Amino acid sequence: MPPASNTIVLKSLSVLLGLFFIFVGTLKLTPHISKDLYKDLRTEYVKYAKVFPLTALFGVKVPSKWYRRTVGILEIVCGLAMALIPYRNQECGQCDAASADAAGHLPALDGK
């Protein structure tokens, strides 16, 4: 188990990064925070929509408004997840490996 100070730092970083993603996603969806930045983002997403990977593969043209809004919504949703579900201890992965070994799903490490 990591020391308490490491856990506090990781949880704080997770929450702050989540809040940053929420802020950036909100900038893409609404001009209430900064009208100039919102206008710049709209013009940039027109360029981004032209080089969208699915356009070349499938011939699907994505409107820049949908692209910008989808990215903004995904940033807000993922930011909320990071902020509300901060860093968790990774010991659960070790428990899963131990239970799989006990069930005979993992090969023995000593070669027997």
PDB file of N, CA and C in Angstrom:
ATOM      1  N   MET A   1       0.848  -1.180   0.000  1.00  0.00           N
ATOM      2  CA  MET A   1       0.000   0.000   0.000  1.00  0.00           C
ATOM      3  C   MET A   1       0.890   1.239   0.000  1.00  0.00           C
ATOM      4  N   PRO A   2       0.604   2.224  -0.891  1.00  0.00           N
ATOM      5  CA  PRO A   2       1.443   3.420  -0.930  1.00  0.00           C
ATOM      6  C   PRO A   2       1.241   4.264   0.319  1.00  0.00           C
ATOM      7  N   PRO A   3       2.261   5.050   0.679  1.00  0.00           N
ATOM      8  CA  PRO A   3       2.121   5.930   1.834  1.00  0.00           C
ATOM      9  C   PRO A   3       0.963   6.902   1.650  1.00  0.00           C
ATOM     10  N   ALA A   4       0.454   7.405   2.762  1.00  0.00           N
ATOM     11  CA  ALA A   4      -0.712   8.294   2.737  1.00  0.00           C
ATOM     12  C   ALA A   4      -0.431   9.559   1.941  1.00  0.00           C
ATOM     13  N   SER A   5       0.803  10.082   2.008  1.00  0.00           N
ATOM     14  CA  SER A   5       1.103  11.310   1.273  1.00  0.00           C
ATOM     15  C   SER A   5       1.031  11.078  -0.233  1.00  0.00           C
ATOM     16  N   ASN A   6       1.476   9.898  -0.701  1.00  0.00           N
ATOM     17  CA  ASN A   6       1.369   9.590  -2.128  1.00  0.00           C
ATOM     18  C   ASN A   6      -0.083   9.504  -2.561  1.00  0.00           C
ATOM     19  N   THR A   7      -0.912   8.902  -1.748  1.00  0.00           N
ATOM     20  CA  THR A   7      -2.324   8.766  -2.065  1.00  0.00           C
ATOM     21  C   THR A   7      -2.987  10.132  -2.148  1.00  0.00           C
ATOM     22  N   ILE A   8      -2.667  11.013  -1.222  1.00  0.00           N
ATOM     23  CA  ILE A   8      -3.237  12.356  -1.226  1.00  0.00           C
ATOM     24  C   ILE A   8      -2.809  13.105  -2.484  1.00  0.00           C
ATOM     25  N   VAL A   9      -1.545  12.995  -2.842  1.00  0.00           N
ATOM     26  CA  VAL A   9      -1.040  13.676  -4.040  1.00  0.00           C
ATOM     27  C   VAL A   9      -1.728  13.140  -5.287  1.00  0.00           C
ATOM     28  N   LEU A  10      -1.845  11.819  -5.415  1.00  0.00           N
ATOM     29  CA  LEU A  10      -2.467  11.237  -6.598  1.00  0.00           C
ATOM     30  C   LEU A  10      -3.947  11.575  -6.695  1.00  0.00           C
ATOM     31  N   LYS A  11      -4.639  11.573  -5.573  1.00  0.00           N
ATOM     32  CA  LYS A  11      -6.054  11.960  -5.588  1.00  0.00           C
ATOM     33  C   LYS A  11      -6.205  13.422  -5.963  1.00  0.00           C
ATOM     34  N   SER A  12      -5.326  14.277  -5.435  1.00  0.00           N
ATOM     35  CA  SER A  12      -5.384  15.702  -5.753  1.00  0.00           C
ATOM     36  C   SER A  12      -5.120  15.939  -7.235  1.00  0.00           C
ATOM     37  N   LEU A  13      -4.111  15.256  -7.777  1.00  0.00           N
ATOM     38  CA  LEU A  13      -3.812  15.393  -9.203  1.00  0.00           C
ATOM     39  C   LEU A  13      -4.968  14.912 -10.069  1.00  0.00           C
ATOM     40  N   SER A  14      -5.593  13.824  -9.671  1.00  0.00           N
ATOM     41  CA  SER A  14      -6.721  13.297 -10.421  1.00  0.00           C
ATOM     42  C   SER A  14      -7.879  14.288 -10.435  1.00  0.00           C
ATOM     43  N   VAL A  15      -8.166  14.871  -9.282  1.00  0.00           N
ATOM     44  CA  VAL A  15      -9.259  15.841  -9.196  1.00  0.00           C
ATOM     45  C   VAL A  15      -8.928  17.096 -10.002  1.00  0.00           C
ATOM     46  N   LEU A  16      -7.710  17.605  -9.866  1.00  0.00           N
ATOM     47  CA  LEU A  16      -7.335  18.820 -10.601  1.00  0.00           C
ATOM     48  C   LEU A  16      -7.319  18.597 -12.110  1.00  0.00           C
ATOM     49  N   LEU A  17      -6.815  17.456 -12.549  1.00  0.00           N
ATOM     50  CA  LEU A  17      -6.815  17.162 -13.979  1.00  0.00           C
ATOM     51  C   LEU A  17      -8.244  16.992 -14.492  1.00  0.00           C
ATOM     52  N   GLY A  18      -9.084  16.374 -13.683  1.00  0.00           N
ATOM     53  CA  GLY A  18     -10.497  16.244 -14.050  1.00  0.00           C
ATOM     54  C   GLY A  18     -11.170  17.601 -14.189  1.00  0.00           C
ATOM     55  N   LEU A  19     -10.892  18.510 -13.256  1.00  0.00           N
ATOM     56  CA  LEU A  19     -11.457  19.860 -13.344  1.00  0.00           C
ATOM     57  C   LEU A  19     -10.939  20.596 -14.579  1.00  0.00           C
ATOM     58  N   PHE A  20      -9.667  20.376 -14.919  1.00  0.00           N
ATOM     59  CA  PHE A  20      -9.115  21.000 -16.125  1.00  0.00           C
ATOM     60  C   PHE A  20      -9.845  20.499 -17.366  1.00  0.00           C
ATOM     61  N   PHE A  21     -10.090  19.187 -17.458  1.00  0.00           N
ATOM     62  CA  PHE A  21     -10.819  18.653 -18.601  1.00  0.00           C
ATOM     63  C   PHE A  21     -12.241  19.201 -18.667  1.00  0.00           C
ATOM     64  N   ILE A  22     -12.877  19.360 -17.522  1.00  0.00           N
ATOM     65  CA  ILE A  22     -14.226  19.946 -17.493  1.00  0.00           C
ATOM     66  C   ILE A  22     -14.176  21.373 -18.022  1.00  0.00           C
ATOM     67  N   PHE A  23     -13.177  22.142 -17.603  1.00  0.00           N
ATOM     68  CA  PHE A  23     -13.025  23.524 -18.047  1.00  0.00           C
ATOM     69  C   PHE A  23     -12.811  23.600 -19.561  1.00  0.00           C
ATOM     70  N   VAL A  24     -11.907  22.783 -20.073  1.00  0.00           N
ATOM     71  CA  VAL A  24     -11.604  22.808 -21.506  1.00  0.00           C
ATOM     72  C   VAL A  24     -12.810  22.337 -22.325  1.00  0.00           C
ATOM     73  N   GLY A  25     -13.506  21.317 -21.832  1.00  0.00           N
ATOM     74  CA  GLY A  25     -14.709  20.853 -22.521  1.00  0.00           C
ATOM     75  C   GLY A  25     -15.793  21.906 -22.546  1.00  0.00           C
ATOM     76  N   THR A  26     -15.927  22.651 -21.455  1.00  0.00           N
ATOM     77  CA  THR A  26     -16.914  23.725 -21.386  1.00  0.00           C
ATOM     78  C   THR A  26     -16.567  24.838 -22.364  1.00  0.00           C
ATOM     79  N   LEU A  27     -15.283  25.120 -22.528  1.00  0.00           N
ATOM     80  CA  LEU A  27     -14.864  26.127 -23.503  1.00  0.00           C
ATOM     81  C   LEU A  27     -15.310  25.762 -24.916  1.00  0.00           C
ATOM     82  N   LYS A  28     -15.333  24.475 -25.230  1.00  0.00           N
ATOM     83  CA  LYS A  28     -15.725  24.029 -26.560  1.00  0.00           C
ATOM     84  C   LYS A  28     -17.238  24.102 -26.784  1.00  0.00           C
ATOM     85  N   LEU A  29     -17.998  24.118 -25.696  1.00  0.00           N
ATOM     86  CA  LEU A  29     -19.449  24.064 -25.824  1.00  0.00           C
ATOM     87  C   LEU A  29     -20.154  25.407 -25.675  1.00  0.00           C
ATOM     88  N   THR A  30     -19.558  26.333 -24.961  1.00  0.00           N
ATOM     89  CA  THR A  30     -20.265  27.567 -24.667  1.00  0.00           C
ATOM     90  C   THR A  30     -19.331  28.780 -24.700  1.00  0.00           C
ATOM     91  N   PRO A  31     -19.832  29.921 -25.163  1.00  0.00           N
ATOM     92  CA  PRO A  31     -19.007  31.135 -25.175  1.00  0.00           C
ATOM     93  C   PRO A  31     -19.057  31.920 -23.864  1.00  0.00           C
ATOM     94  N   HIS A  32     -19.689  31.391 -22.823  1.00  0.00           N
ATOM     95  CA  HIS A  32     -19.859  32.139 -21.577  1.00  0.00           C
ATOM     96  C   HIS A  32     -18.544  32.415 -20.857  1.00  0.00           C
ATOM     97  N   ILE A  33     -17.554  31.565 -21.006  1.00  0.00           N
ATOM     98  CA  ILE A  33     -16.283  31.762 -20.313  1.00  0.00           C
ATOM     99  C   ILE A  33     -15.411  32.741 -21.078  1.00  0.00           C
ATOM    100  N   SER A  34     -15.240  32.513 -22.374  1.00  0.00           N
ATOM    101  CA  SER A  34     -14.420  33.399 -23.207  1.00  0.00           C
ATOM    102  C   SER A  34     -14.967  33.385 -24.633  1.00  0.00           C
ATOM    103  N   LYS A  35     -15.525  34.510 -25.050  1.00  0.00           N
ATOM    104  CA  LYS A  35     -16.107  34.577 -26.390  1.00  0.00           C
ATOM    105  C   LYS A  35     -15.039  34.473 -27.471  1.00  0.00           C
ATOM    106  N   ASP A  36     -13.889  35.091 -27.240  1.00  0.00           N
ATOM    107  CA  ASP A  36     -12.818  35.049 -28.242  1.00  0.00           C
ATOM    108  C   ASP A  36     -12.265  33.632 -28.420  1.00  0.00           C
ATOM    109  N   LEU A  37     -12.036  32.955 -27.316  1.00  0.00           N
ATOM    110  CA  LEU A  37     -11.522  31.589 -27.391  1.00  0.00           C
ATOM    111  C   LEU A  37     -12.541  30.651 -28.033  1.00  0.00           C
ATOM    112  N   TYR A  38     -13.803  30.843 -27.710  1.00  0.00           N
ATOM    113  CA  TYR A  38     -14.862  30.028 -28.307  1.00  0.00           C
ATOM    114  C   TYR A  38     -14.890  30.231 -29.823  1.00  0.00           C
ATOM    115  N   LYS A  39     -14.757  31.460 -30.260  1.00  0.00           N
ATOM    116  CA  LYS A  39     -14.745  31.768 -31.694  1.00  0.00           C
ATOM    117  C   LYS A  39     -13.534  31.128 -32.367  1.00  0.00           C
ATOM    118  N   ASP A  40     -12.371  31.207 -31.723  1.00  0.00           N
ATOM    119  CA  ASP A  40     -11.165  30.576 -32.265  1.00  0.00           C
ATOM    120  C   ASP A  40     -11.311  29.056 -32.350  1.00  0.00           C
ATOM    121  N   LEU A  41     -11.897  28.454 -31.321  1.00  0.00           N
ATOM    122  CA  LEU A  41     -12.109  27.005 -31.333  1.00  0.00           C
ATOM    123  C   LEU A  41     -13.041  26.582 -32.461  1.00  0.00           C
ATOM    124  N   ARG A  42     -14.060  27.387 -32.698  1.00  0.00           N
ATOM    125  CA  ARG A  42     -14.980  27.067 -33.796  1.00  0.00           C
ATOM    126  C   ARG A  42     -14.264  27.074 -35.135  1.00  0.00           C
ATOM    127  N   THR A  43     -13.406  28.056 -35.368  1.00  0.00           N
ATOM    128  CA  THR A  43     -12.689  28.110 -36.645  1.00  0.00           C
ATOM    129  C   THR A  43     -11.655  26.986 -36.743  1.00  0.00           C
ATOM    130  N   GLU A  44     -11.020  26.638 -35.621  1.00  0.00           N
ATOM    131  CA  GLU A  44     -10.044  25.543 -35.646  1.00  0.00           C
ATOM    132  C   GLU A  44     -10.710  24.203 -35.915  1.00  0.00           C
ATOM    133  N   TYR A  45     -11.898  23.978 -35.354  1.00  0.00           N
ATOM    134  CA  TYR A  45     -12.577  22.702 -35.560  1.00  0.00           C
ATOM    135  C   TYR A  45     -13.090  22.539 -36.980  1.00  0.00           C
ATOM    136  N   VAL A  46     -13.245  23.646 -37.720  1.00  0.00           N
ATOM    137  CA  VAL A  46     -13.554  23.524 -39.144  1.00  0.00           C
ATOM    138  C   VAL A  46     -12.370  22.863 -39.848  1.00  0.00           C
ATOM    139  N   LYS A  47     -11.156  23.251 -39.476  1.00  0.00           N
ATOM    140  CA  LYS A  47      -9.947  22.633 -40.040  1.00  0.00           C
ATOM    141  C   LYS A  47      -9.827  21.179 -39.599  1.00  0.00           C
ATOM    142  N   TYR A  48     -10.094  20.910 -38.318  1.00  0.00           N
ATOM    143  CA  TYR A  48      -9.977  19.548 -37.794  1.00  0.00           C
ATOM    144  C   TYR A  48     -10.969  18.603 -38.480  1.00  0.00           C
ATOM    145  N   ALA A  49     -12.173  19.089 -38.757  1.00  0.00           N
ATOM    146  CA  ALA A  49     -13.193  18.246 -39.378  1.00  0.00           C
ATOM    147  C   ALA A  49     -12.780  17.840 -40.796  1.00  0.00           C
ATOM    148  N   LYS A  50     -11.998  18.679 -41.460  1.00  0.00           N
ATOM    149  CA  LYS A  50     -11.553  18.353 -42.821  1.00  0.00           C
ATOM    150  C   LYS A  50     -10.552  17.206 -42.841  1.00  0.00           C
ATOM    151  N   VAL A  51      -9.787  17.033 -41.774  1.00  0.00           N
ATOM    152  CA  VAL A  51      -8.791  15.962 -41.717  1.00  0.00           C
ATOM    153  C   VAL A  51      -9.204  14.844 -40.762  1.00  0.00           C
ATOM    154  N   PHE A  52     -10.480  14.759 -40.470  1.00  0.00           N
ATOM    155  CA  PHE A  52     -11.007  13.714 -39.593  1.00  0.00           C
ATOM    156  C   PHE A  52     -10.720  12.354 -40.217  1.00  0.00           C
ATOM    157  N   PRO A  53     -10.153  11.390 -39.461  1.00  0.00           N
ATOM    158  CA  PRO A  53      -9.716  10.102 -40.039  1.00  0.00           C
ATOM    159  C   PRO A  53     -10.814   9.307 -40.727  1.00  0.00           C
ATOM    160  N   LEU A  54     -12.031   9.344 -40.224  1.00  0.00           N
ATOM    161  CA  LEU A  54     -13.094   8.549 -40.842  1.00  0.00           C
ATOM    162  C   LEU A  54     -13.505   9.084 -42.202  1.00  0.00           C
ATOM    163  N   THR A  55     -13.184  10.347 -42.481  1.00  0.00           N
ATOM    164  CA  THR A  55     -13.502  10.906 -43.785  1.00  0.00           C
ATOM    165  C   THR A  55     -12.730  10.175 -44.878  1.00  0.00           C
ATOM    166  N   ALA A  56     -11.450   9.927 -44.640  1.00  0.00           N
ATOM    167  CA  ALA A  56     -10.636   9.235 -45.642  1.00  0.00           C
ATOM    168  C   ALA A  56     -10.997   7.748 -45.744  1.00  0.00           C
ATOM    169  N   LEU A  57     -11.310   7.122 -44.611  1.00  0.00           N
ATOM    170  CA  LEU A  57     -11.593   5.688 -44.623  1.00  0.00           C
ATOM    171  C   LEU A  57     -12.962   5.345 -45.211  1.00  0.00           C
ATOM    172  N   PHE A  58     -13.987   6.041 -44.736  1.00  0.00           N
ATOM    173  CA  PHE A  58     -15.354   5.677 -45.103  1.00  0.00           C
ATOM    174  C   PHE A  58     -16.073   6.714 -45.950  1.00  0.00           C
ATOM    175  N   GLY A  59     -15.440   7.838 -46.179  1.00  0.00           N
ATOM    176  CA  GLY A  59     -16.093   8.897 -46.947  1.00  0.00           C
ATOM    177  C   GLY A  59     -17.180   9.602 -46.160  1.00  0.00           C
ATOM    178  N   VAL A  60     -17.155   9.492 -44.841  1.00  0.00           N
ATOM    179  CA  VAL A  60     -18.144  10.133 -43.980  1.00  0.00           C
ATOM    180  C   VAL A  60     -17.632  11.524 -43.613  1.00  0.00           C
ATOM    181  N   LYS A  61     -18.392  12.523 -43.965  1.00  0.00           N
ATOM    182  CA  LYS A  61     -17.991  13.888 -43.639  1.00  0.00           C
ATOM    183  C   LYS A  61     -18.694  14.301 -42.350  1.00  0.00           C
ATOM    184  N   VAL A  62     -17.910  14.643 -41.334  1.00  0.00           N
ATOM    185  CA  VAL A  62     -18.450  15.023 -40.032  1.00  0.00           C
ATOM    186  C   VAL A  62     -18.524  16.543 -39.963  1.00  0.00           C
ATOM    187  N   PRO A  63     -19.708  17.092 -39.660  1.00  0.00           N
ATOM    188  CA  PRO A  63     -19.794  18.538 -39.499  1.00  0.00           C
ATOM    189  C   PRO A  63     -18.924  19.006 -38.329  1.00  0.00           C
ATOM    190  N   SER A  64     -18.262  20.141 -38.503  1.00  0.00           N
ATOM    191  CA  SER A  64     -17.347  20.628 -37.473  1.00  0.00           C
ATOM    192  C   SER A  64     -18.074  20.908 -36.158  1.00  0.00           C
ATOM    193  N   LYS A  65     -19.323  21.316 -36.234  1.00  0.00           N
ATOM    194  CA  LYS A  65     -20.091  21.587 -35.013  1.00  0.00           C
ATOM    195  C   LYS A  65     -20.273  20.302 -34.205  1.00  0.00           C
ATOM    196  N   TRP A  66     -20.608  19.202 -34.868  1.00  0.00           N
ATOM    197  CA  TRP A  66     -20.793  17.921 -34.181  1.00  0.00           C
ATOM    198  C   TRP A  66     -19.479  17.434 -33.596  1.00  0.00           C
ATOM    199  N   TYR A  67     -18.425  17.589 -34.367  1.00  0.00           N
ATOM    200  CA  TYR A  67     -17.101  17.149 -33.919  1.00  0.00           C
ATOM    201  C   TYR A  67     -16.680  17.909 -32.663  1.00  0.00           C
ATOM    202  N   ARG A  68     -16.816  19.237 -32.689  1.00  0.00           N
ATOM    203  CA  ARG A  68     -16.439  20.070 -31.542  1.00  0.00           C
ATOM    204  C   ARG A  68     -17.304  19.739 -30.324  1.00  0.00           C
ATOM    205  N   ARG A  69     -18.589  19.594 -30.530  1.00  0.00           N
ATOM    206  CA  ARG A  69     -19.486  19.298 -29.408  1.00  0.00           C
ATOM    207  C   ARG A  69     -19.229  17.908 -28.833  1.00  0.00           C
ATOM    208  N   THR A  70     -18.969  16.938 -29.704  1.00  0.00           N
ATOM    209  CA  THR A  70     -18.693  15.578 -29.228  1.00  0.00           C
ATOM    210  C   THR A  70     -17.415  15.550 -28.396  1.00  0.00           C
ATOM    211  N   VAL A  71     -16.362  16.210 -28.882  1.00  0.00           N
ATOM    212  CA  VAL A  71     -15.113  16.259 -28.130  1.00  0.00           C
ATOM    213  C   VAL A  71     -15.319  16.982 -26.801  1.00  0.00           C
ATOM    214  N   GLY A  72     -16.064  18.086 -26.818  1.00  0.00           N
ATOM    215  CA  GLY A  72     -16.335  18.824 -25.581  1.00  0.00           C
ATOM    216  C   GLY A  72     -17.113  18.001 -24.571  1.00  0.00           C
ATOM    217  N   ILE A  73     -18.127  17.290 -25.033  1.00  0.00           N
ATOM    218  CA  ILE A  73     -18.929  16.454 -24.127  1.00  0.00           C
ATOM    219  C   ILE A  73     -18.085  15.314 -23.559  1.00  0.00           C
ATOM    220  N   LEU A  74     -17.269  14.687 -24.411  1.00  0.00           N
ATOM    221  CA  LEU A  74     -16.403  13.607 -23.924  1.00  0.00           C
ATOM    222  C   LEU A  74     -15.398  14.128 -22.897  1.00  0.00           C
ATOM    223  N   GLU A  75     -14.859  15.319 -23.116  1.00  0.00           N
ATOM    224  CA  GLU A  75     -13.928  15.888 -22.144  1.00  0.00           C
ATOM    225  C   GLU A  75     -14.619  16.160 -20.814  1.00  0.00           C
ATOM    226  N   ILE A  76     -15.842  16.645 -20.865  1.00  0.00           N
ATOM    227  CA  ILE A  76     -16.578  16.916 -19.623  1.00  0.00           C
ATOM    228  C   ILE A  76     -16.901  15.615 -18.895  1.00  0.00           C
ATOM    229  N   VAL A  77     -17.360  14.615 -19.624  1.00  0.00           N
ATOM    230  CA  VAL A  77     -17.711  13.324 -18.999  1.00  0.00           C
ATOM    231  C   VAL A  77     -16.479  12.673 -18.380  1.00  0.00           C
ATOM    232  N   CYS A  78     -15.382  12.642 -19.125  1.00  0.00           N
ATOM    233  CA  CYS A  78     -14.154  12.027 -18.599  1.00  0.00           C
ATOM    234  C   CYS A  78     -13.576  12.858 -17.459  1.00  0.00           C
ATOM    235  N   GLY A  79     -13.693  14.180 -17.552  1.00  0.00           N
ATOM    236  CA  GLY A  79     -13.244  15.033 -16.459  1.00  0.00           C
ATOM    237  C   GLY A  79     -14.047  14.799 -15.194  1.00  0.00           C
ATOM    238  N   LEU A  80     -15.358  14.630 -15.346  1.00  0.00           N
ATOM    239  CA  LEU A  80     -16.191  14.312 -14.183  1.00  0.00           C
ATOM    240  C   LEU A  80     -15.781  12.976 -13.572  1.00  0.00           C
ATOM    241  N   ALA A  81     -15.503  12.000 -14.417  1.00  0.00           N
ATOM    242  CA  ALA A  81     -15.073  10.696 -13.904  1.00  0.00           C
ATOM    243  C   ALA A  81     -13.762  10.828 -13.140  1.00  0.00           C
ATOM    244  N   MET A  82     -12.824  11.591 -13.681  1.00  0.00           N
ATOM    245  CA  MET A  82     -11.537  11.758 -12.997  1.00  0.00           C
ATOM    246  C   MET A  82     -11.692  12.533 -11.694  1.00  0.00           C
ATOM    247  N   ALA A  83     -12.558  13.534 -11.686  1.00  0.00           N
ATOM    248  CA  ALA A  83     -12.721  14.363 -10.494  1.00  0.00           C
ATOM    249  C   ALA A  83     -13.527  13.653  -9.405  1.00  0.00           C
ATOM    250  N   LEU A  84     -14.534  12.895  -9.808  1.00  0.00           N
ATOM    251  CA  LEU A  84     -15.413  12.265  -8.820  1.00  0.00           C
ATOM    252  C   LEU A  84     -14.955  10.868  -8.411  1.00  0.00           C
ATOM    253  N   ILE A  85     -14.156  10.215  -9.249  1.00  0.00           N
ATOM    254  CA  ILE A  85     -13.633   8.889  -8.928  1.00  0.00           C
ATOM    255  C   ILE A  85     -12.114   9.006  -8.955  1.00  0.00           C
ATOM    256  N   PRO A  86     -11.525   9.625  -7.947  1.00  0.00           N
ATOM    257  CA  PRO A  86     -10.072   9.842  -7.977  1.00  0.00           C
ATOM    258  C   PRO A  86      -9.294   8.541  -7.840  1.00  0.00           C
ATOM    259  N   TYR A  87      -7.995   8.674  -7.870  1.00  0.00           N
ATOM    260  CA  TYR A  87      -7.048   7.556  -7.831  1.00  0.00           C
ATOM    261  C   TYR A  87      -7.485   6.488  -6.829  1.00  0.00           C
ATOM    262  N   ARG A  88      -7.466   5.247  -7.301  1.00  0.00           N
ATOM    263  CA  ARG A  88      -7.768   4.102  -6.422  1.00  0.00           C
ATOM    264  C   ARG A  88      -6.508   3.272  -6.266  1.00  0.00           C
ATOM    265  N   ASN A  89      -6.415   2.580  -5.181  1.00  0.00           N
ATOM    266  CA  ASN A  89      -5.273   1.721  -4.930  1.00  0.00           C
ATOM    267  C   ASN A  89      -5.259   0.580  -5.951  1.00  0.00           C
ATOM    268  N   GLN A  90      -4.079   0.184  -6.403  1.00  0.00           N
ATOM    269  CA  GLN A  90      -3.956  -0.818  -7.455  1.00  0.00           C
ATOM    270  C   GLN A  90      -3.839  -2.240  -6.912  1.00  0.00           C
ATOM    271  N   GLU A  91      -4.061  -2.444  -5.633  1.00  0.00           N
ATOM    272  CA  GLU A  91      -3.939  -3.780  -5.063  1.00  0.00           C
ATOM    273  C   GLU A  91      -4.996  -4.738  -5.580  1.00  0.00           C
ATOM    274  N   CYS A  92      -6.092  -4.235  -6.110  1.00  0.00           N
ATOM    275  CA  CYS A  92      -7.150  -5.113  -6.617  1.00  0.00           C
ATOM    276  C   CYS A  92      -6.648  -5.964  -7.770  1.00  0.00           C
ATOM    277  N   GLY A  93      -5.767  -5.412  -8.606  1.00  0.00           N
ATOM    278  CA  GLY A  93      -5.189  -6.185  -9.700  1.00  0.00           C
ATOM    279  C   GLY A  93      -4.374  -7.353  -9.187  1.00  0.00           C
ATOM    280  N   GLN A  94      -3.689  -7.160  -8.075  1.00  0.00           N
ATOM    281  CA  GLN A  94      -2.915  -8.244  -7.491  1.00  0.00           C
ATOM    282  C   GLN A  94      -3.843  -9.321  -6.940  1.00  0.00           C
ATOM    283  N   CYS A  95      -4.960  -8.913  -6.375  1.00  0.00           N
ATOM    284  CA  CYS A  95      -5.928  -9.881  -5.859  1.00  0.00           C
ATOM    285  C   CYS A  95      -6.505 -10.717  -6.989  1.00  0.00           C
ATOM    286  N   ASP A  96      -6.782 -10.081  -8.140  1.00  0.00           N
ATOM    287  CA  ASP A  96      -7.326 -10.817  -9.280  1.00  0.00           C
ATOM    288  C   ASP A  96      -6.326 -11.845  -9.793  1.00  0.00           C
ATOM    289  N   ALA A  97      -5.049 -11.465  -9.841  1.00  0.00           N
ATOM    290  CA  ALA A  97      -4.022 -12.398 -10.311  1.00  0.00           C
ATOM    291  C   ALA A  97      -3.889 -13.570  -9.340  1.00  0.00           C
ATOM    292  N   ALA A  98      -3.973 -13.291  -8.048  1.00  0.00           N
ATOM    293  CA  ALA A  98      -3.859 -14.356  -7.055  1.00  0.00           C
ATOM    294  C   ALA A  98      -5.050 -15.308  -7.138  1.00  0.00           C
ATOM    295  N   SER A  99      -6.237 -14.782  -7.354  1.00  0.00           N
ATOM    296  CA  SER A  99      -7.407 -15.656  -7.453  1.00  0.00           C
ATOM    297  C   SER A  99      -7.370 -16.471  -8.743  1.00  0.00           C
ATOM    298  N   ALA A 100      -6.840 -15.879  -9.828  1.00  0.00           N
ATOM    299  CA  ALA A 100      -6.714 -16.634 -11.077  1.00  0.00           C
ATOM    300  C   ALA A 100      -5.687 -17.748 -10.920  1.00  0.00           C
ATOM    301  N   ASP A 101      -4.600 -17.472 -10.193  1.00  0.00           N
ATOM    302  CA  ASP A 101      -3.580 -18.498  -9.945  1.00  0.00           C
ATOM    303  C   ASP A 101      -4.162 -19.620  -9.104  1.00  0.00           C
ATOM    304  N   ALA A 102      -4.956 -19.262  -8.094  1.00  0.00           N
ATOM    305  CA  ALA A 102      -5.559 -20.273  -7.229  1.00  0.00           C
ATOM    306  C   ALA A 102      -6.542 -21.136  -8.019  1.00  0.00           C
ATOM    307  N   ALA A 103      -7.159 -20.556  -9.032  1.00  0.00           N
ATOM    308  CA  ALA A 103      -8.109 -21.314  -9.835  1.00  0.00           C
ATOM    309  C   ALA A 103      -7.412 -22.137 -10.910  1.00  0.00           C
ATOM    310  N   GLY A 104      -6.090 -21.972 -11.041  1.00  0.00           N
ATOM    311  CA  GLY A 104      -5.326 -22.760 -12.000  1.00  0.00           C
ATOM    312  C   GLY A 104      -5.263 -22.148 -13.388  1.00  0.00           C
ATOM    313  N   HIS A 105      -5.549 -20.840 -13.508  1.00  0.00           N
ATOM    314  CA  HIS A 105      -5.534 -20.192 -14.810  1.00  0.00           C
ATOM    315  C   HIS A 105      -4.168 -19.626 -15.185  1.00  0.00           C
ATOM    316  N   LEU A 106      -3.271 -19.471 -14.225  1.00  0.00           N
ATOM    317  CA  LEU A 106      -1.946 -18.939 -14.511  1.00  0.00           C
ATOM    318  C   LEU A 106      -0.907 -20.031 -14.357  1.00  0.00           C
ATOM    319  N   PRO A 107       0.111 -20.052 -15.228  1.00  0.00           N
ATOM    320  CA  PRO A 107       1.163 -21.059 -15.070  1.00  0.00           C
ATOM    321  C   PRO A 107       2.018 -20.741 -13.850  1.00  0.00           C
ATOM    322  N   ALA A 108       2.594 -21.738 -13.273  1.00  0.00           N
ATOM    323  CA  ALA A 108       3.468 -21.555 -12.109  1.00  0.00           C
ATOM    324  C   ALA A 108       4.727 -20.826 -12.554  1.00  0.00           C
ATOM    325  N   LEU A 109       5.227 -19.953 -11.698  1.00  0.00           N
ATOM    326  CA  LEU A 109       6.402 -19.158 -12.036  1.00  0.00           C
ATOM    327  C   LEU A 109       7.700 -19.948 -11.892  1.00  0.00           C
ATOM    328  N   ASP A 110       7.689 -21.003 -11.106  1.00  0.00           N
ATOM    329  CA  ASP A 110       8.926 -21.764 -10.894  1.00  0.00           C
ATOM    330  C   ASP A 110       9.121 -22.876 -11.937  1.00  0.00           C
ATOM    331  N   GLY A 111       8.258 -22.932 -12.932  1.00  0.00           N
ATOM    332  CA  GLY A 111       8.403 -23.887 -14.027  1.00  0.00           C
ATOM    333  C   GLY A 111       7.895 -25.284 -13.718  1.00  0.00           C
ATOM    334  N   LYS A 112       7.278 -25.516 -12.602  1.00  0.00           N
ATOM    335  CA  LYS A 112       6.789 -26.857 -12.244  1.00  0.00           C
ATOM    336  C   LYS A 112       5.379 -27.068 -12.727  1.00  0.00           C
TER     337      LYS A 112
END
